[in-house]
Amino acid sequence: MFVNHAEFPPIKQGKEGEFLAWFAWSSAIYKTFNGFISRRLLKATDGSGSFVGVVEHESKETFMAMHLSEERKKAWERVAPLLEGKAKPHFYEEIMRADAAAPPGGGS
């Protein structure tokens, strides 16, 4: 599995509701892409108001097909005016999993 963890910059004053609506709207678009597994939005518990987006894809190739698409470009153009900067992406490949669905010993 390929995972993108994007740290969003601060949301402009009074724009959090629009940002949350954008995230829901863009998730509906992204989930139509081949290889999409999930997308989550996390909000910091420290009161900072910061957000992190987590996207899971079957592979780096399927993620990059979505990431380089016109749909994604348009989605980011739509959210840019709500943000105080640019998101910081981080990319990961899953090497071990520990959850109720995983077999003993990890692995994916």
Protein backbone atom coordinates (compact mmCIF):
# COMPACT_ATOMS: atom_id res chain seq x y z
CA MET A 1 0.00 0.00 0.00
CA PHE A 2 1.14 3.56 -0.75
CA VAL A 3 0.25 6.35 1.71
CA ASN A 4 0.31 10.11 1.29
CA HIS A 5 0.28 12.18 4.48
CA ALA A 6 -0.29 15.87 3.69
CA GLU A 7 0.14 18.54 6.35
CA PHE A 8 -2.20 21.38 5.45
CA PRO A 9 -1.07 24.94 6.14
CA PRO A 10 -3.22 27.04 8.46
CA ILE A 11 -6.76 27.61 7.21
CA LYS A 12 -7.60 31.28 6.67
CA GLN A 13 -9.72 32.91 9.36
CA GLY A 14 -13.39 32.00 9.00
CA LYS A 15 -12.76 29.47 6.20
CA GLU A 16 -12.71 26.18 8.14
CA GLY A 17 -16.29 25.29 7.13
CA GLU A 18 -15.45 25.84 3.45
CA PHE A 19 -12.29 23.77 3.87
CA LEU A 20 -14.23 20.87 5.39
CA ALA A 21 -16.79 21.07 2.56
CA TRP A 22 -13.93 21.06 0.04
CA PHE A 23 -12.40 17.98 1.66
CA ALA A 24 -15.70 16.08 1.42
CA TRP A 25 -16.24 17.23 -2.19
CA SER A 26 -12.70 16.35 -3.30
CA SER A 27 -12.85 12.97 -1.53
CA ALA A 28 -15.88 12.08 -3.64
CA ILE A 29 -13.77 12.80 -6.74
CA TYR A 30 -10.61 11.03 -5.57
CA LYS A 31 -12.41 7.84 -4.58
CA THR A 32 -13.37 7.27 -8.23
CA PHE A 33 -9.70 6.74 -9.18
CA ASN A 34 -8.34 3.26 -9.76
CA GLY A 35 -6.39 1.99 -6.76
CA PHE A 36 -8.00 4.36 -4.23
CA ILE A 37 -8.41 2.77 -0.79
CA SER A 38 -9.26 5.59 1.62
CA ARG A 39 -8.88 9.25 2.50
CA ARG A 40 -9.11 10.71 6.00
CA LEU A 41 -8.85 14.16 7.49
CA LEU A 42 -7.27 14.50 10.93
CA LYS A 43 -7.42 17.56 13.16
CA ALA A 44 -4.79 18.22 15.83
CA THR A 45 -5.91 17.78 19.42
CA ASP A 46 -3.54 20.47 20.71
CA GLY A 47 -5.90 23.34 19.87
CA SER A 48 -3.73 24.55 16.97
CA GLY A 49 -6.48 23.91 14.44
CA SER A 50 -4.03 22.16 12.13
CA PHE A 51 -5.16 19.44 9.72
CA VAL A 52 -3.52 16.43 8.10
CA GLY A 53 -4.94 14.49 5.17
CA VAL A 54 -4.14 10.80 4.78
CA VAL A 55 -4.68 9.04 1.44
CA GLU A 56 -4.18 5.31 0.93
CA HIS A 57 -3.70 3.82 -2.53
CA GLU A 58 -2.94 0.33 -3.76
CA SER A 59 0.39 1.48 -5.21
CA LYS A 60 2.58 4.46 -5.92
CA GLU A 61 1.55 4.17 -9.58
CA THR A 62 -2.19 4.43 -8.86
CA PHE A 63 -1.60 7.31 -6.45
CA MET A 64 0.52 9.21 -8.97
CA ALA A 65 -2.13 8.75 -11.68
CA MET A 66 -4.61 10.50 -9.37
CA HIS A 67 -2.05 13.02 -8.10
CA LEU A 68 -1.11 14.17 -11.61
CA SER A 69 -4.68 14.25 -12.94
CA GLU A 70 -6.60 17.31 -14.13
CA GLU A 71 -9.25 16.57 -11.48
CA ARG A 72 -6.71 16.85 -8.68
CA LYS A 73 -5.22 20.03 -10.19
CA LYS A 74 -8.67 21.63 -10.28
CA ALA A 75 -9.42 20.51 -6.73
CA TRP A 76 -6.23 22.14 -5.42
CA GLU A 77 -6.96 25.34 -7.33
CA ARG A 78 -10.32 25.41 -5.54
CA VAL A 79 -8.83 25.00 -2.04
CA ALA A 80 -5.77 27.26 -2.45
CA PRO A 81 -7.67 30.49 -1.59
CA LEU A 82 -8.70 28.95 1.75
CA LEU A 83 -5.13 28.20 2.87
CA GLU A 84 -2.27 30.27 4.30
CA GLY A 85 0.34 28.50 2.17
CA LYS A 86 0.90 25.12 0.56
CA ALA A 87 0.44 21.62 1.91
CA LYS A 88 3.54 19.60 2.81
CA PRO A 89 3.27 16.10 1.37
CA HIS A 90 5.00 13.04 2.79
CA PHE A 91 4.97 9.68 1.03
CA TYR A 92 5.18 6.24 2.58
CA GLU A 93 5.02 2.62 1.55
CA GLU A 94 3.38 0.24 4.01
CA ILE A 95 5.77 -2.44 5.22
CA MET A 96 3.84 -3.81 8.18
CA ARG A 97 0.30 -3.61 9.52
CA ALA A 98 -1.14 -4.37 12.94
CA ASP A 99 -4.92 -4.25 13.01
CA ALA A 100 -7.86 -6.58 13.47
CA ALA A 101 -7.82 -7.55 9.77
CA ALA A 102 -4.10 -8.35 9.57
CA PRO A 103 -2.73 -11.84 10.10
CA PRO A 104 -0.43 -12.42 13.09
CA GLY A 105 3.10 -11.20 12.41
CA GLY A 106 2.09 -8.12 10.38
CA GLY A 107 2.46 -7.71 6.67
CA SER A 108 -0.08 -6.39 4.24
